[in-house]
Amino acid sequence: MKYKKLYVIQRLDLDPVYCSVQAGHAVAAFVLKYPTLWKNGTLIYLGVSNEDELKYWKEKIYIKDIQHYAEFREPDINDQITAIAVLTDKNVFSKLKLIV
């Protein structure tokens, strides 16, 4: 079995500081949903242009049958999806921008 990594896909149309907070919320949502799956291993931050692109990737996660993911919706901006955390060993996100 391949080693699974936690990918955090965040929106880049938000203020950079706000964007980082949203990514943190997605990780927290994932750990609350699946408290025993991710052991604080590899964490990869990726970026998408906006909420529509984030929704596209959420659909792709569903199509690829990736079981372990959590999204975060920000109440301060009308419950928009701001970030998604995904645990997988599949190479699904190679086209996304790496956030360093």
C-alpha atoms as a PDB file:
ATOM      1  CA  MET A   1       0.000   0.000   0.000  1.00  0.00           C
ATOM      2  CA  LYS A   2       1.211   3.492  -0.866  1.00  0.00           C
ATOM      3  CA  TYR A   3       1.681   6.069   1.858  1.00  0.00           C
ATOM      4  CA  LYS A   4      -1.292   8.448   2.056  1.00  0.00           C
ATOM      5  CA  LYS A   5      -0.804  12.205   2.148  1.00  0.00           C
ATOM      6  CA  LEU A   6      -3.171  14.907   3.329  1.00  0.00           C
ATOM      7  CA  TYR A   7      -3.798  17.363   0.508  1.00  0.00           C
ATOM      8  CA  VAL A   8      -5.335  20.703   1.395  1.00  0.00           C
ATOM      9  CA  ILE A   9      -6.882  22.498  -1.569  1.00  0.00           C
ATOM     10  CA  GLN A  10      -7.481  26.160  -0.860  1.00  0.00           C
ATOM     11  CA  ARG A  11      -8.929  29.089  -2.774  1.00  0.00           C
ATOM     12  CA  LEU A  12      -6.450  31.688  -3.973  1.00  0.00           C
ATOM     13  CA  ASP A  13      -9.038  34.417  -4.592  1.00  0.00           C
ATOM     14  CA  LEU A  14      -9.165  35.140  -0.862  1.00  0.00           C
ATOM     15  CA  ASP A  15      -6.766  37.362   1.070  1.00  0.00           C
ATOM     16  CA  PRO A  16      -3.559  35.318   1.674  1.00  0.00           C
ATOM     17  CA  VAL A  17      -3.886  35.446   5.466  1.00  0.00           C
ATOM     18  CA  TYR A  18      -7.556  34.487   5.285  1.00  0.00           C
ATOM     19  CA  CYS A  19      -6.668  31.710   2.831  1.00  0.00           C
ATOM     20  CA  SER A  20      -4.199  30.190   5.302  1.00  0.00           C
ATOM     21  CA  VAL A  21      -6.795  30.222   8.064  1.00  0.00           C
ATOM     22  CA  GLN A  22      -9.305  28.466   5.813  1.00  0.00           C
ATOM     23  CA  ALA A  23      -6.756  25.765   4.997  1.00  0.00           C
ATOM     24  CA  GLY A  24      -6.230  25.248   8.728  1.00  0.00           C
ATOM     25  CA  HIS A  25      -9.977  24.914   9.221  1.00  0.00           C
ATOM     26  CA  ALA A  26     -10.097  22.224   6.515  1.00  0.00           C
ATOM     27  CA  VAL A  27      -7.362  20.231   8.266  1.00  0.00           C
ATOM     28  CA  ALA A  28      -9.213  20.576  11.573  1.00  0.00           C
ATOM     29  CA  ALA A  29     -12.477  19.475   9.913  1.00  0.00           C
ATOM     30  CA  PHE A  30     -10.704  16.417   8.504  1.00  0.00           C
ATOM     31  CA  VAL A  31      -9.204  15.436  11.865  1.00  0.00           C
ATOM     32  CA  LEU A  32     -12.564  15.877  13.600  1.00  0.00           C
ATOM     33  CA  LYS A  33     -14.303  13.756  10.967  1.00  0.00           C
ATOM     34  CA  TYR A  34     -11.591  11.050  10.843  1.00  0.00           C
ATOM     35  CA  PRO A  35      -9.702  11.227  14.156  1.00  0.00           C
ATOM     36  CA  THR A  36      -7.617   8.081  13.594  1.00  0.00           C
ATOM     37  CA  LEU A  37      -6.715   8.233   9.885  1.00  0.00           C
ATOM     38  CA  TRP A  38      -4.068  10.938   9.516  1.00  0.00           C
ATOM     39  CA  LYS A  39      -1.128  10.743  11.901  1.00  0.00           C
ATOM     40  CA  ASN A  40       0.329  14.218  11.285  1.00  0.00           C
ATOM     41  CA  GLY A  41       2.327  12.920   8.321  1.00  0.00           C
ATOM     42  CA  THR A  42       2.820  14.519   4.921  1.00  0.00           C
ATOM     43  CA  LEU A  43       0.750  17.671   4.397  1.00  0.00           C
ATOM     44  CA  ILE A  44       0.582  19.287   0.957  1.00  0.00           C
ATOM     45  CA  TYR A  45      -1.058  22.653   0.281  1.00  0.00           C
ATOM     46  CA  LEU A  46      -2.485  23.268  -3.188  1.00  0.00           C
ATOM     47  CA  GLY A  47      -4.322  26.239  -4.655  1.00  0.00           C
ATOM     48  CA  VAL A  48      -7.266  26.796  -6.972  1.00  0.00           C
ATOM     49  CA  SER A  49      -8.529  30.040  -8.484  1.00  0.00           C
ATOM     50  CA  ASN A  50     -11.954  30.312  -6.869  1.00  0.00           C
ATOM     51  CA  GLU A  51     -14.922  28.503  -5.345  1.00  0.00           C
ATOM     52  CA  ASP A  52     -16.113  27.162  -8.706  1.00  0.00           C
ATOM     53  CA  GLU A  53     -12.770  25.448  -9.279  1.00  0.00           C
ATOM     54  CA  LEU A  54     -12.828  24.089  -5.724  1.00  0.00           C
ATOM     55  CA  LYS A  55     -16.294  22.625  -6.426  1.00  0.00           C
ATOM     56  CA  TYR A  56     -14.903  21.068  -9.615  1.00  0.00           C
ATOM     57  CA  TRP A  57     -12.188  19.304  -7.599  1.00  0.00           C
ATOM     58  CA  LYS A  58     -14.723  18.227  -4.982  1.00  0.00           C
ATOM     59  CA  GLU A  59     -16.680  16.523  -7.790  1.00  0.00           C
ATOM     60  CA  LYS A  60     -13.474  14.950  -9.109  1.00  0.00           C
ATOM     61  CA  ILE A  61     -12.757  13.548  -5.625  1.00  0.00           C
ATOM     62  CA  TYR A  62     -16.211  11.970  -5.681  1.00  0.00           C
ATOM     63  CA  ILE A  63     -15.744  10.556  -9.208  1.00  0.00           C
ATOM     64  CA  LYS A  64     -12.346   9.075  -8.275  1.00  0.00           C
ATOM     65  CA  ASP A  65     -14.048   7.397  -5.295  1.00  0.00           C
ATOM     66  CA  ILE A  66     -11.756   8.991  -2.720  1.00  0.00           C
ATOM     67  CA  GLN A  67     -13.481   8.224   0.557  1.00  0.00           C
ATOM     68  CA  HIS A  68     -11.691  10.420   3.081  1.00  0.00           C
ATOM     69  CA  TYR A  69     -12.135  14.149   2.666  1.00  0.00           C
ATOM     70  CA  ALA A  70     -13.595  17.086   4.532  1.00  0.00           C
ATOM     71  CA  GLU A  71     -14.564  20.526   3.350  1.00  0.00           C
ATOM     72  CA  PHE A  72     -14.745  23.761   5.249  1.00  0.00           C
ATOM     73  CA  ARG A  73     -17.468  26.325   4.657  1.00  0.00           C
ATOM     74  CA  GLU A  74     -16.876  29.816   6.008  1.00  0.00           C
ATOM     75  CA  PRO A  75     -19.903  31.310   7.795  1.00  0.00           C
ATOM     76  CA  ASP A  76     -18.519  34.856   7.391  1.00  0.00           C
ATOM     77  CA  ILE A  77     -18.818  34.630   3.585  1.00  0.00           C
ATOM     78  CA  ASN A  78     -22.238  32.994   3.194  1.00  0.00           C
ATOM     79  CA  ASP A  79     -21.017  29.445   3.867  1.00  0.00           C
ATOM     80  CA  GLN A  80     -18.884  29.353   0.733  1.00  0.00           C
ATOM     81  CA  ILE A  81     -16.523  26.391   0.442  1.00  0.00           C
ATOM     82  CA  THR A  82     -13.069  27.795   1.136  1.00  0.00           C
ATOM     83  CA  ALA A  83     -10.871  24.690   1.461  1.00  0.00           C
ATOM     84  CA  ILE A  84     -10.938  20.893   1.252  1.00  0.00           C
ATOM     85  CA  ALA A  85      -8.659  18.378   2.967  1.00  0.00           C
ATOM     86  CA  VAL A  86      -8.222  15.020   1.195  1.00  0.00           C
ATOM     87  CA  LEU A  87      -6.338  11.923   2.369  1.00  0.00           C
ATOM     88  CA  THR A  88      -5.216   9.767  -0.539  1.00  0.00           C
ATOM     89  CA  ASP A  89      -2.377   7.883  -2.147  1.00  0.00           C
ATOM     90  CA  LYS A  90      -3.776   8.557  -5.632  1.00  0.00           C
ATOM     91  CA  ASN A  91      -2.008  11.015  -7.921  1.00  0.00           C
ATOM     92  CA  VAL A  92      -5.066  13.159  -8.580  1.00  0.00           C
ATOM     93  CA  PHE A  93      -3.853  16.687  -7.960  1.00  0.00           C
ATOM     94  CA  SER A  94      -0.721  16.974 -10.123  1.00  0.00           C
ATOM     95  CA  LYS A  95      -2.249  19.833 -12.169  1.00  0.00           C
ATOM     96  CA  LEU A  96      -2.819  22.077  -9.160  1.00  0.00           C
ATOM     97  CA  LYS A  97      -0.520  24.845  -7.986  1.00  0.00           C
ATOM     98  CA  LEU A  98       1.693  23.919  -5.027  1.00  0.00           C
ATOM     99  CA  ILE A  99       1.541  26.505  -2.242  1.00  0.00           C
ATOM    100  CA  VAL A 100       4.932  27.035  -0.605  1.00  0.00           C
END
